[in-house]
């Protein structure tokens, strides 16, 4: 048998409790819609937040790694441009030495040719200093967040390109015999220069491949983070409609439950 009480209004209490839950859900939905995130505080999904934060950290590291790699490419391009120019200068040295090595060239002409020969050697030395090719240079770019340092970076050693390492120091072309010796030295220098250019080219290619991989990883990690952290707008829009209807019906139910107590007073009349 139902009881009637003016002290406890169970229907009103139930309506109020349900309305509180509805308001909580509505607030969460509005927060997700306004922020675009499904997880706005740890309580929304503690485990999911930890995983999403790891993805975000990886993305930050890889983005900086891509910038590091691009900086490394810039440095290598400077060196590459310098070695290409030095290669052209070696061509000129070979031309001068070959002309001086001819028996038809006079000593006076060899003196003039040697003056240019020495100027070209001085230019090679200058460009080597400007491009930081005057010593063996360790090259290392940290580009990834791999657990081992060896997998996380691209490294190598760019050999020095100077008149000394090219074995051109001391050569003159003031006589036919000296000019012939200089021709052989220039030919040998081209080989030495080619080895340094090969190293620079290999490092450039490795960095470009590493950048391509890192960019792909950034996209995939962003997608993985998005699936965890981002709100499903379609779902939240449906929830917004649902919670708005529940709020309105809950308020109406609470109002009705509060009025039902007044009807008990009619029994006392």
Protein backbone atom coordinates (compact mmCIF):
# COMPACT_ATOMS: atom_id res chain seq x y z
CA UNK A 1 0.00 0.00 0.00
CA UNK A 2 1.36 3.39 -0.96
CA UNK A 3 2.13 5.84 1.84
CA UNK A 4 1.72 9.57 1.77
CA UNK A 5 4.20 11.80 3.58
CA UNK A 6 4.87 15.51 3.87
CA UNK A 7 8.28 14.88 5.46
CA UNK A 8 10.02 12.88 2.73
CA UNK A 9 9.36 13.41 -0.95
CA UNK A 10 11.06 10.41 -2.56
CA UNK A 11 9.88 11.31 -6.06
CA UNK A 12 11.37 14.77 -5.72
CA UNK A 13 14.66 13.36 -4.41
CA UNK A 14 14.87 10.91 -7.31
CA UNK A 15 14.06 13.64 -9.82
CA UNK A 16 16.71 15.94 -8.32
CA UNK A 17 19.35 13.19 -8.35
CA UNK A 18 18.60 12.33 -11.97
CA UNK A 19 18.67 16.00 -12.90
CA UNK A 20 22.11 16.39 -11.30
CA UNK A 21 23.40 13.47 -13.38
CA UNK A 22 21.89 14.96 -16.50
CA UNK A 23 23.50 18.33 -15.80
CA UNK A 24 26.86 16.64 -15.30
CA UNK A 25 26.55 14.88 -18.64
CA UNK A 26 25.44 18.12 -20.33
CA UNK A 27 28.41 20.00 -18.89
CA UNK A 28 30.82 17.31 -20.10
CA UNK A 29 29.28 17.38 -23.57
CA UNK A 30 29.47 21.19 -23.77
CA UNK A 31 33.10 21.07 -22.61
CA UNK A 32 33.99 18.51 -25.29
CA UNK A 33 32.20 20.44 -28.01
CA UNK A 34 33.82 23.73 -27.04
CA UNK A 35 37.35 22.32 -26.64
CA UNK A 36 37.25 19.68 -29.36
CA UNK A 37 38.76 17.14 -26.95
CA UNK A 38 37.17 14.03 -25.49
CA UNK A 39 39.68 14.11 -22.62
CA UNK A 40 39.73 17.47 -20.88
CA UNK A 41 40.82 16.29 -17.44
CA UNK A 42 42.43 13.16 -16.08
CA UNK A 43 39.13 11.82 -14.78
CA UNK A 44 37.68 11.68 -18.29
CA UNK A 45 40.01 8.79 -19.23
CA UNK A 46 43.13 8.43 -17.09
CA UNK A 47 44.65 5.51 -19.03
CA UNK A 48 43.80 7.07 -22.39
CA UNK A 49 45.35 10.38 -21.32
CA UNK A 50 48.66 8.68 -20.46
CA UNK A 51 48.80 7.00 -23.87
CA UNK A 52 47.79 10.20 -25.71
CA UNK A 53 50.46 12.20 -23.85
CA UNK A 54 53.11 9.70 -24.94
CA UNK A 55 52.05 10.13 -28.56
CA UNK A 56 52.15 13.91 -28.16
CA UNK A 57 55.65 13.76 -26.66
CA UNK A 58 56.85 11.59 -29.54
CA UNK A 59 55.40 14.07 -32.03
CA UNK A 60 57.21 16.98 -30.35
CA UNK A 61 60.52 15.10 -30.46
CA UNK A 62 60.11 14.09 -34.09
CA UNK A 63 59.11 17.60 -35.18
CA UNK A 64 62.29 18.97 -33.62
CA UNK A 65 64.22 16.11 -35.20
CA UNK A 66 62.91 17.17 -38.62
CA UNK A 67 64.11 20.71 -37.94
CA UNK A 68 67.49 19.32 -36.86
CA UNK A 69 67.74 17.33 -40.08
CA UNK A 70 66.87 20.36 -42.21
CA UNK A 71 69.58 22.35 -40.41
CA UNK A 72 71.99 19.50 -41.11
CA UNK A 73 71.00 19.51 -44.77
CA UNK A 74 71.73 23.23 -44.94
CA UNK A 75 75.20 22.66 -43.54
CA UNK A 76 75.86 19.83 -45.99
CA UNK A 77 74.61 21.94 -48.90
CA UNK A 78 77.15 24.62 -48.00
CA UNK A 79 79.91 22.03 -48.01
CA UNK A 80 78.57 20.47 -51.20
CA UNK A 81 78.57 23.83 -52.97
CA UNK A 82 82.13 24.46 -51.85
CA UNK A 83 83.39 21.07 -53.04
CA UNK A 84 81.68 21.56 -56.40
CA UNK A 85 83.46 24.90 -56.75
CA UNK A 86 86.77 23.36 -55.70
CA UNK A 87 86.22 20.68 -58.34
CA UNK A 88 85.94 23.43 -60.95
CA UNK A 89 89.13 25.00 -59.61
CA UNK A 90 90.90 21.65 -59.94
CA UNK A 91 89.82 21.58 -63.57
CA UNK A 92 91.53 24.93 -64.02
CA UNK A 93 94.67 23.68 -62.27
CA UNK A 94 94.74 20.68 -64.61
CA UNK A 95 94.34 22.94 -67.62
CA UNK A 96 97.18 25.22 -66.52
CA UNK A 97 99.49 22.33 -65.66
CA UNK A 98 98.80 20.57 -68.95
CA UNK A 99 99.52 23.75 -70.91
CA UNK A 100 102.76 24.27 -69.01
CA UNK A 101 103.75 20.64 -69.61
CA UNK A 102 103.79 21.17 -73.37
CA UNK A 103 107.22 21.43 -74.93
CA UNK A 104 106.02 24.29 -77.07
CA UNK A 105 105.35 26.49 -74.03
CA UNK A 106 108.09 28.97 -73.26
CA UNK A 107 109.54 29.53 -69.79
CA UNK A 108 108.10 33.05 -69.77
CA UNK A 109 104.66 31.65 -70.44
CA UNK A 110 105.14 29.04 -67.72
CA UNK A 111 105.93 31.83 -65.28
CA UNK A 112 102.61 33.50 -66.11
CA UNK A 113 100.78 30.17 -65.97
CA UNK A 114 102.38 29.37 -62.60
CA UNK A 115 101.26 32.70 -61.18
CA UNK A 116 97.64 31.80 -61.94
CA UNK A 117 98.26 28.24 -60.72
CA UNK A 118 99.31 29.57 -57.31
CA UNK A 119 96.35 31.96 -57.21
CA UNK A 120 93.96 29.06 -57.83
CA UNK A 121 95.64 27.08 -55.05
CA UNK A 122 95.17 30.05 -52.71
CA UNK A 123 91.49 30.23 -53.68
CA UNK A 124 91.04 26.53 -52.89
CA UNK A 125 92.54 27.13 -49.45
CA UNK A 126 90.30 30.15 -48.87
CA UNK A 127 87.11 28.35 -49.87
CA UNK A 128 88.05 25.38 -47.72
CA UNK A 129 88.30 27.66 -44.68
CA UNK A 130 85.04 29.46 -45.47
CA UNK A 131 83.08 26.19 -45.86
CA UNK A 132 84.65 24.67 -42.72
CA UNK A 133 86.37 21.99 -44.80
CA UNK A 134 89.82 22.71 -43.42
CA UNK A 135 89.66 19.81 -40.92
CA UNK A 136 87.98 16.41 -40.69
CA UNK A 137 84.51 17.23 -39.40
CA UNK A 138 82.29 14.91 -37.39
CA UNK A 139 78.69 15.19 -38.54
CA UNK A 140 75.79 14.12 -36.34
CA UNK A 141 72.07 14.95 -36.44
CA UNK A 142 69.65 13.65 -33.80
CA UNK A 143 66.37 13.09 -35.58
CA UNK A 144 64.36 10.38 -33.80
CA UNK A 145 63.18 9.26 -30.39
CA UNK A 146 64.51 5.73 -30.71
CA UNK A 147 65.62 3.97 -27.55
CA UNK A 148 69.22 3.66 -28.78
CA UNK A 149 71.33 6.67 -29.78
CA UNK A 150 72.67 4.88 -32.86
CA UNK A 151 69.15 4.50 -34.27
CA UNK A 152 68.16 8.01 -33.31
CA UNK A 153 70.74 9.91 -35.32
CA UNK A 154 72.43 10.20 -38.70
CA UNK A 155 76.18 10.58 -38.40
CA UNK A 156 79.40 10.43 -40.35
CA UNK A 157 82.73 12.17 -40.91
CA UNK A 158 83.36 14.67 -43.70
CA UNK A 159 87.01 14.52 -44.74
CA UNK A 160 88.99 17.75 -44.94
CA UNK A 161 89.43 19.28 -48.37
CA UNK A 162 92.55 21.45 -48.33
CA UNK A 163 95.56 21.91 -50.55
CA UNK A 164 97.38 19.64 -48.08
CA UNK A 165 94.86 16.78 -48.12
CA UNK A 166 94.64 17.16 -51.90
CA UNK A 167 98.47 16.85 -52.01
CA UNK A 168 98.79 20.05 -54.01
CA UNK A 169 101.04 22.02 -51.66
CA UNK A 170 104.44 22.92 -53.08
CA UNK A 171 103.60 22.20 -56.71
CA UNK A 172 104.73 24.68 -59.32
CA UNK A 173 104.63 24.57 -63.10
CA UNK A 174 107.69 26.65 -63.94
CA UNK A 175 109.25 23.82 -65.94
CA UNK A 176 108.01 21.04 -68.17
CA UNK A 177 108.95 18.31 -65.67
CA UNK A 178 107.35 20.14 -62.73
CA UNK A 179 104.24 20.77 -64.80
CA UNK A 180 103.96 17.06 -65.67
CA UNK A 181 104.23 16.23 -61.96
CA UNK A 182 101.50 18.79 -61.20
CA UNK A 183 99.20 17.19 -63.77
CA UNK A 184 99.47 13.86 -61.92
CA UNK A 185 98.94 15.60 -58.58
CA UNK A 186 95.79 17.33 -59.80
CA UNK A 187 94.46 14.02 -61.12
CA UNK A 188 95.08 12.46 -57.70
CA UNK A 189 93.40 15.45 -55.99
CA UNK A 190 90.25 14.91 -58.04
CA UNK A 191 90.02 11.37 -56.62
CA UNK A 192 90.51 12.60 -53.05
CA UNK A 193 87.90 15.31 -53.53
CA UNK A 194 85.47 12.76 -54.98
CA UNK A 195 85.68 10.68 -51.80
CA UNK A 196 84.72 13.70 -49.68
CA UNK A 197 81.90 14.59 -52.07
CA UNK A 198 80.65 11.02 -51.86
CA UNK A 199 80.44 11.25 -48.07
CA UNK A 200 78.57 14.55 -48.24
CA UNK A 201 76.15 13.17 -50.83
CA UNK A 202 75.51 10.02 -48.81
CA UNK A 203 74.75 12.04 -45.67
CA UNK A 204 72.38 14.29 -47.64
CA UNK A 205 70.49 11.28 -48.96
CA UNK A 206 70.30 9.69 -45.53
CA UNK A 207 68.93 12.88 -44.01
CA UNK A 208 66.30 13.21 -46.74
CA UNK A 209 65.16 9.64 -46.17
CA UNK A 210 65.17 10.21 -42.41
CA UNK A 211 63.05 13.35 -42.81
CA UNK A 212 60.58 11.47 -44.99
CA UNK A 213 60.26 8.70 -42.39
CA UNK A 214 59.92 11.16 -39.51
CA UNK A 215 57.17 13.08 -41.33
CA UNK A 216 55.26 9.83 -41.88
CA UNK A 217 55.68 8.93 -38.21
CA UNK A 218 54.44 12.36 -37.14
CA UNK A 219 51.27 11.92 -39.21
CA UNK A 220 50.64 8.41 -37.85
CA UNK A 221 51.27 9.47 -34.26
CA UNK A 222 48.94 12.45 -34.64
CA UNK A 223 46.25 10.13 -35.96
CA UNK A 224 46.77 7.76 -33.03
CA UNK A 225 46.62 10.63 -30.51
CA UNK A 226 43.54 12.06 -32.20
CA UNK A 227 41.64 8.78 -31.90
CA UNK A 228 42.22 8.86 -28.14
CA UNK A 229 42.13 12.54 -27.24
CA UNK A 230 39.79 14.22 -29.75
CA UNK A 231 36.05 14.40 -29.31
CA UNK A 232 33.66 12.72 -31.74
CA UNK A 233 31.67 15.81 -32.71
CA UNK A 234 28.83 13.84 -34.27
CA UNK A 235 28.42 11.77 -31.11
CA UNK A 236 28.68 14.78 -28.82
CA UNK A 237 26.10 16.70 -30.90
CA UNK A 238 23.68 13.82 -30.42
CA UNK A 239 24.48 13.79 -26.70
CA UNK A 240 23.81 17.54 -26.51
CA UNK A 241 20.33 17.07 -27.93
CA UNK A 242 19.70 14.13 -25.60
CA UNK A 243 20.87 15.95 -22.48
CA UNK A 244 18.89 19.09 -23.37
CA UNK A 245 15.71 17.02 -23.64
CA UNK A 246 16.51 15.17 -20.40
CA UNK A 247 17.17 18.47 -18.64
CA UNK A 248 13.84 19.90 -19.68
CA UNK A 249 11.95 16.71 -18.76
CA UNK A 250 13.87 16.44 -15.48
CA UNK A 251 12.95 19.98 -14.47
CA UNK A 252 9.32 19.28 -15.35
CA UNK A 253 9.37 16.04 -13.34
CA UNK A 254 10.96 17.76 -10.34
CA UNK A 255 8.34 20.48 -10.45
CA UNK A 256 5.58 17.88 -10.62
CA UNK A 257 7.09 15.87 -7.74
CA UNK A 258 7.22 19.00 -5.57
CA UNK A 259 3.59 19.78 -6.29
CA UNK A 260 2.46 16.25 -5.42
CA UNK A 261 3.22 16.90 -1.74
CA UNK A 262 0.70 19.68 -1.64
CA UNK A 263 -2.06 17.25 -2.61
CA UNK A 264 -1.54 15.39 0.66
CA UNK A 265 -2.77 18.48 2.50
CA UNK A 266 -6.19 17.95 1.02
CA UNK A 267 -6.58 14.94 3.30
CA UNK A 268 -6.46 17.28 6.31
CA UNK A 269 -9.34 19.45 5.13
